[in-house]
């Protein structure tokens, strides 16, 4: 996604990216790595002698140094998941953000539109099933702590390259697989106070938290998203819980002045 955003003008590299414009130290290190140390030897050293913390630190440094944060409007968070998560460099949120909050929604939708123009050259079909602003999915006070754009790739074939009508074809080291978790999930529940064979069609992941609180005989806050999946709760437990709550409710009396 980095070359895609760079060619669309949303992400800026610290240098143009060709061999002549790269810093001398970077060119030398890449020459040493590619010419003097075979791939098999590098893999052996990395797997046997280099701790994971060192890999993480090196990757973080490489990622941070690969972007001009003072000129970049958006980037995609590195992830191994099927979806890609985009982040807008907001002026009010990021230390070097340049995008005003007033332009946030329009920029998210503009980027989503551009990403949905991507085509998989090997299939001739759209590469992105949908690109969605996070504001179309969630709401709440902590909304801006989440990634701002979610990409769901098409599932009709592996994606080795991407084509966009504005800049042509780009390719990278990663291959996007053609399978992911299903949009429609399922829930498996068993044990005390669970109703066997219950049908919970139409339930949401948002319903898990209130249902767990209910089964733990705890109060379910009214402001909590989701609902209690009563259809999967044993009716006797529901009745006992209702009786217990009724017994604990204070009796309100009212004095009438005569």
Protein backbone atom coordinates (compact mmCIF):
# COMPACT_ATOMS: atom_id res chain seq x y z
CA UNK A 1 0.00 0.00 0.00
CA UNK A 2 2.95 2.36 0.48
CA UNK A 3 3.68 2.81 -3.26
CA UNK A 4 -0.05 3.15 -3.96
CA UNK A 5 -0.44 6.00 -1.47
CA UNK A 6 2.79 7.61 -2.66
CA UNK A 7 1.66 7.62 -6.29
CA UNK A 8 -1.74 9.00 -5.27
CA UNK A 9 0.01 11.78 -3.35
CA UNK A 10 -1.21 10.92 0.14
CA UNK A 11 2.10 9.55 1.46
CA UNK A 12 5.54 11.10 0.89
CA UNK A 13 8.86 9.28 1.14
CA UNK A 14 11.91 11.04 2.62
CA UNK A 15 13.54 10.65 -0.82
CA UNK A 16 12.22 9.83 -4.26
CA UNK A 17 12.92 6.11 -3.90
CA UNK A 18 15.39 5.57 -6.77
CA UNK A 19 18.89 4.32 -6.15
CA UNK A 20 20.61 7.66 -6.86
CA UNK A 21 18.50 9.68 -4.44
CA UNK A 22 18.69 7.26 -1.51
CA UNK A 23 21.10 8.17 1.29
CA UNK A 24 24.64 6.86 0.81
CA UNK A 25 24.46 4.77 4.00
CA UNK A 26 21.27 3.09 2.82
CA UNK A 27 22.72 2.26 -0.59
CA UNK A 28 25.86 0.78 0.97
CA UNK A 29 23.93 -1.33 3.51
CA UNK A 30 21.61 -2.69 0.82
CA UNK A 31 24.59 -3.52 -1.43
CA UNK A 32 26.31 -5.40 1.42
CA UNK A 33 23.13 -7.24 2.31
CA UNK A 34 22.28 -8.25 -1.26
CA UNK A 35 25.78 -9.01 -2.59
CA UNK A 36 27.86 -10.30 0.33
CA UNK A 37 25.35 -12.21 2.47
CA UNK A 38 23.27 -14.91 0.69
CA UNK A 39 19.55 -15.09 1.44
CA UNK A 40 19.88 -18.50 3.11
CA UNK A 41 22.62 -17.21 5.41
CA UNK A 42 20.55 -14.14 6.33
CA UNK A 43 17.53 -16.30 7.15
CA UNK A 44 19.65 -18.65 9.28
CA UNK A 45 21.16 -15.75 11.24
CA UNK A 46 17.80 -14.02 11.71
CA UNK A 47 16.01 -17.16 12.87
CA UNK A 48 18.73 -18.57 15.14
CA UNK A 49 20.61 -15.63 16.61
CA UNK A 50 18.54 -12.44 16.34
CA UNK A 51 15.83 -12.07 19.06
CA UNK A 52 12.30 -11.05 18.09
CA UNK A 53 12.66 -7.77 19.99
CA UNK A 54 15.54 -6.80 17.68
CA UNK A 55 13.45 -7.66 14.61
CA UNK A 56 10.60 -5.51 15.95
CA UNK A 57 12.91 -2.58 16.70
CA UNK A 58 14.53 -2.77 13.26
CA UNK A 59 11.16 -2.96 11.51
CA UNK A 60 9.83 0.00 13.51
CA UNK A 61 12.91 2.08 12.66
CA UNK A 62 12.70 1.16 8.98
CA UNK A 63 8.98 1.98 8.85
CA UNK A 64 9.32 5.33 10.62
CA UNK A 65 12.30 6.39 8.49
CA UNK A 66 10.48 5.44 5.29
CA UNK A 67 7.89 8.22 5.59
CA UNK A 68 8.19 12.00 5.59
CA UNK A 69 5.71 12.58 8.42
CA UNK A 70 5.65 16.36 7.95
CA UNK A 71 4.30 16.02 4.40
CA UNK A 72 2.25 12.81 4.61
CA UNK A 73 -1.55 12.90 4.85
CA UNK A 74 -2.24 9.19 5.32
CA UNK A 75 -0.51 5.83 5.71
CA UNK A 76 -1.45 2.22 6.27
CA UNK A 77 -0.63 0.47 9.54
CA UNK A 78 1.66 -2.54 9.01
CA UNK A 79 -0.36 -5.69 9.64
CA UNK A 80 -0.41 -9.32 8.59
CA UNK A 81 -4.20 -9.45 8.61
CA UNK A 82 -6.25 -9.73 5.44
CA UNK A 83 -7.72 -6.28 5.92
CA UNK A 84 -5.62 -3.12 5.65
CA UNK A 85 -6.07 -0.33 8.19
CA UNK A 86 -5.45 3.27 7.14
CA UNK A 87 -4.59 6.22 9.34
CA UNK A 88 -5.07 9.91 8.58
CA UNK A 89 -2.30 12.20 9.94
CA UNK A 90 -4.65 14.53 11.81
CA UNK A 91 -3.35 17.86 13.07
CA UNK A 92 -5.18 17.46 16.41
CA UNK A 93 -4.08 13.86 16.96
CA UNK A 94 -0.62 13.15 15.55
CA UNK A 95 2.47 15.11 16.64
CA UNK A 96 3.27 16.16 13.06
CA UNK A 97 -0.24 15.97 11.63
CA UNK A 98 -1.03 18.26 8.73
CA UNK A 99 -4.68 17.35 8.02
CA UNK A 100 -7.21 19.70 9.68
CA UNK A 101 -10.10 18.01 11.48
CA UNK A 102 -12.48 19.87 9.16
CA UNK A 103 -11.02 17.96 6.18
CA UNK A 104 -11.03 14.56 7.90
CA UNK A 105 -14.29 13.10 6.58
CA UNK A 106 -13.81 14.32 3.01
CA UNK A 107 -10.24 12.99 2.88
CA UNK A 108 -11.28 9.57 4.22
CA UNK A 109 -13.96 9.23 1.56
CA UNK A 110 -11.65 10.51 -1.17
CA UNK A 111 -9.00 7.91 -0.30
CA UNK A 112 -11.65 5.16 -0.11
CA UNK A 113 -12.88 6.12 -3.58
CA UNK A 114 -9.36 5.98 -5.02
CA UNK A 115 -8.63 2.61 -3.40
CA UNK A 116 -11.80 1.13 -4.84
CA UNK A 117 -10.42 1.91 -8.33
CA UNK A 118 -7.60 -0.61 -7.83
CA UNK A 119 -7.73 -3.64 -10.14
CA UNK A 120 -6.00 -7.01 -9.91
CA UNK A 121 -4.26 -7.30 -13.32
CA UNK A 122 -4.21 -11.11 -13.06
CA UNK A 123 -8.01 -11.35 -12.86
CA UNK A 124 -9.10 -8.08 -14.43
CA UNK A 125 -11.48 -7.55 -11.51
CA UNK A 126 -11.55 -5.00 -8.72
CA UNK A 127 -8.87 -5.70 -6.12
CA UNK A 128 -10.76 -3.98 -3.29
CA UNK A 129 -14.16 -5.32 -2.33
CA UNK A 130 -14.81 -2.21 -0.28
CA UNK A 131 -12.93 0.59 1.45
CA UNK A 132 -14.86 2.07 4.34
CA UNK A 133 -14.31 5.05 6.67
CA UNK A 134 -14.36 3.92 10.30
CA UNK A 135 -17.09 6.49 10.98
CA UNK A 136 -19.45 4.35 8.87
CA UNK A 137 -18.87 1.38 11.20
CA UNK A 138 -18.45 2.68 14.74
CA UNK A 139 -19.36 5.66 16.88
CA UNK A 140 -18.41 6.90 20.33
CA UNK A 141 -16.05 9.14 22.24
CA UNK A 142 -13.00 6.97 21.47
CA UNK A 143 -13.66 6.71 17.74
CA UNK A 144 -10.51 8.60 16.75
CA UNK A 145 -8.33 6.09 18.62
CA UNK A 146 -9.18 3.54 15.91
CA UNK A 147 -7.76 3.33 12.38
CA UNK A 148 -9.62 5.68 10.05
CA UNK A 149 -10.03 3.48 6.96
CA UNK A 150 -10.64 -0.26 6.59
CA UNK A 151 -9.92 -2.06 3.32
CA UNK A 152 -11.46 -5.42 2.54
CA UNK A 153 -9.76 -7.08 -0.40
CA UNK A 154 -11.58 -9.06 -3.08
CA UNK A 155 -11.45 -12.83 -2.65
CA UNK A 156 -11.44 -14.05 -6.24
CA UNK A 157 -7.69 -14.56 -6.55
CA UNK A 158 -4.23 -13.90 -5.15
CA UNK A 159 -3.08 -10.29 -5.56
CA UNK A 160 0.53 -9.96 -6.72
CA UNK A 161 0.11 -6.57 -8.39
CA UNK A 162 -2.26 -3.61 -8.34
CA UNK A 163 -3.36 -1.38 -11.21
CA UNK A 164 -4.82 2.10 -10.86
CA UNK A 165 -5.99 4.23 -13.81
CA UNK A 166 -3.96 7.19 -12.54
CA UNK A 167 -0.52 5.56 -12.34
CA UNK A 168 -0.61 2.06 -13.84
CA UNK A 169 0.78 -1.07 -12.16
CA UNK A 170 2.67 -1.39 -8.88
CA UNK A 171 3.97 -4.55 -7.21
CA UNK A 172 5.60 -5.38 -3.91
CA UNK A 173 7.14 -8.20 -1.93
CA UNK A 174 3.87 -9.20 -0.23
CA UNK A 175 1.17 -11.32 -1.83
CA UNK A 176 -2.40 -10.73 -0.67
CA UNK A 177 -4.13 -14.05 -0.14
CA UNK A 178 -7.65 -14.70 -1.43
CA UNK A 179 -9.20 -15.96 1.80
CA UNK A 180 -10.09 -14.43 5.13
CA UNK A 181 -12.41 -14.88 8.06
CA UNK A 182 -16.07 -14.95 7.04
CA UNK A 183 -18.14 -11.83 7.58
CA UNK A 184 -20.78 -14.05 9.21
CA UNK A 185 -19.52 -15.56 12.45
CA UNK A 186 -20.89 -18.02 14.96
CA UNK A 187 -20.91 -18.45 18.71
CA UNK A 188 -20.36 -21.66 20.68
CA UNK A 189 -21.58 -21.66 24.28
CA UNK A 190 -21.92 -24.47 26.77
CA UNK A 191 -22.15 -24.98 30.50
CA UNK A 192 -24.21 -23.77 33.40
CA UNK A 193 -27.15 -21.47 32.57
CA UNK A 194 -26.74 -21.98 28.79
CA UNK A 195 -29.84 -23.04 26.87
CA UNK A 196 -28.93 -25.99 24.59
CA UNK A 197 -29.77 -25.62 20.89
CA UNK A 198 -30.52 -21.91 21.14
CA UNK A 199 -30.86 -19.91 17.92
CA UNK A 200 -28.93 -16.61 18.07
CA UNK A 201 -29.30 -15.60 14.43
CA UNK A 202 -28.71 -11.89 13.92
CA UNK A 203 -26.50 -11.52 16.98
CA UNK A 204 -23.53 -9.18 16.98
CA UNK A 205 -20.11 -9.27 18.59
CA UNK A 206 -21.35 -6.24 20.52
CA UNK A 207 -23.78 -8.58 22.30
CA UNK A 208 -21.04 -10.69 23.91
CA UNK A 209 -20.09 -8.25 26.68
CA UNK A 210 -23.64 -7.64 27.99
CA UNK A 211 -24.42 -11.37 27.74
CA UNK A 212 -21.32 -12.34 29.73
CA UNK A 213 -22.14 -9.76 32.41
CA UNK A 214 -25.68 -11.13 32.60
CA UNK A 215 -24.46 -14.73 32.95
CA UNK A 216 -22.04 -13.63 35.69
CA UNK A 217 -25.04 -12.17 37.52
CA UNK A 218 -23.62 -8.67 37.21
CA UNK A 219 -25.36 -5.42 36.34
CA UNK A 220 -25.49 -4.61 32.64
CA UNK A 221 -24.92 -0.86 32.12
CA UNK A 222 -27.61 0.79 30.03
CA UNK A 223 -25.01 2.67 28.00
CA UNK A 224 -23.26 -0.56 26.95
CA UNK A 225 -23.54 -1.34 23.24
CA UNK A 226 -25.31 -4.55 22.31
CA UNK A 227 -27.98 -6.59 24.04
CA UNK A 228 -28.20 -9.64 26.28
CA UNK A 229 -28.70 -12.76 24.16
CA UNK A 230 -31.54 -14.05 26.31
CA UNK A 231 -32.36 -16.73 23.75
CA UNK A 232 -29.18 -18.60 24.77
CA UNK A 233 -29.72 -18.20 28.53
CA UNK A 234 -31.55 -20.89 30.51
CA UNK A 235 -35.09 -19.64 31.36
CA UNK A 236 -34.76 -20.74 34.99
CA UNK A 237 -31.67 -18.55 35.41
CA UNK A 238 -33.52 -15.63 33.85
CA UNK A 239 -36.40 -16.14 36.30
CA UNK A 240 -34.10 -16.44 39.32
CA UNK A 241 -32.20 -13.31 38.29
CA UNK A 242 -35.44 -11.35 37.87
CA UNK A 243 -36.70 -12.46 41.29
CA UNK A 244 -33.37 -11.56 42.88
CA UNK A 245 -33.38 -8.10 41.32
CA UNK A 246 -36.98 -7.54 42.42
CA UNK A 247 -36.09 -8.50 45.98
CA UNK A 248 -33.09 -6.16 45.98
CA UNK A 249 -35.06 -3.21 44.58
CA UNK A 250 -35.87 -0.62 47.27
CA UNK A 251 -39.51 -0.20 48.19
CA UNK A 252 -40.55 3.39 47.52
CA UNK A 253 -43.19 4.82 49.83
CA UNK A 254 -44.88 8.18 49.56
CA UNK A 255 -46.37 10.22 52.36
CA UNK A 256 -49.60 11.94 51.54
CA UNK A 257 -50.42 15.13 53.37
CA UNK A 258 -54.04 15.28 54.56
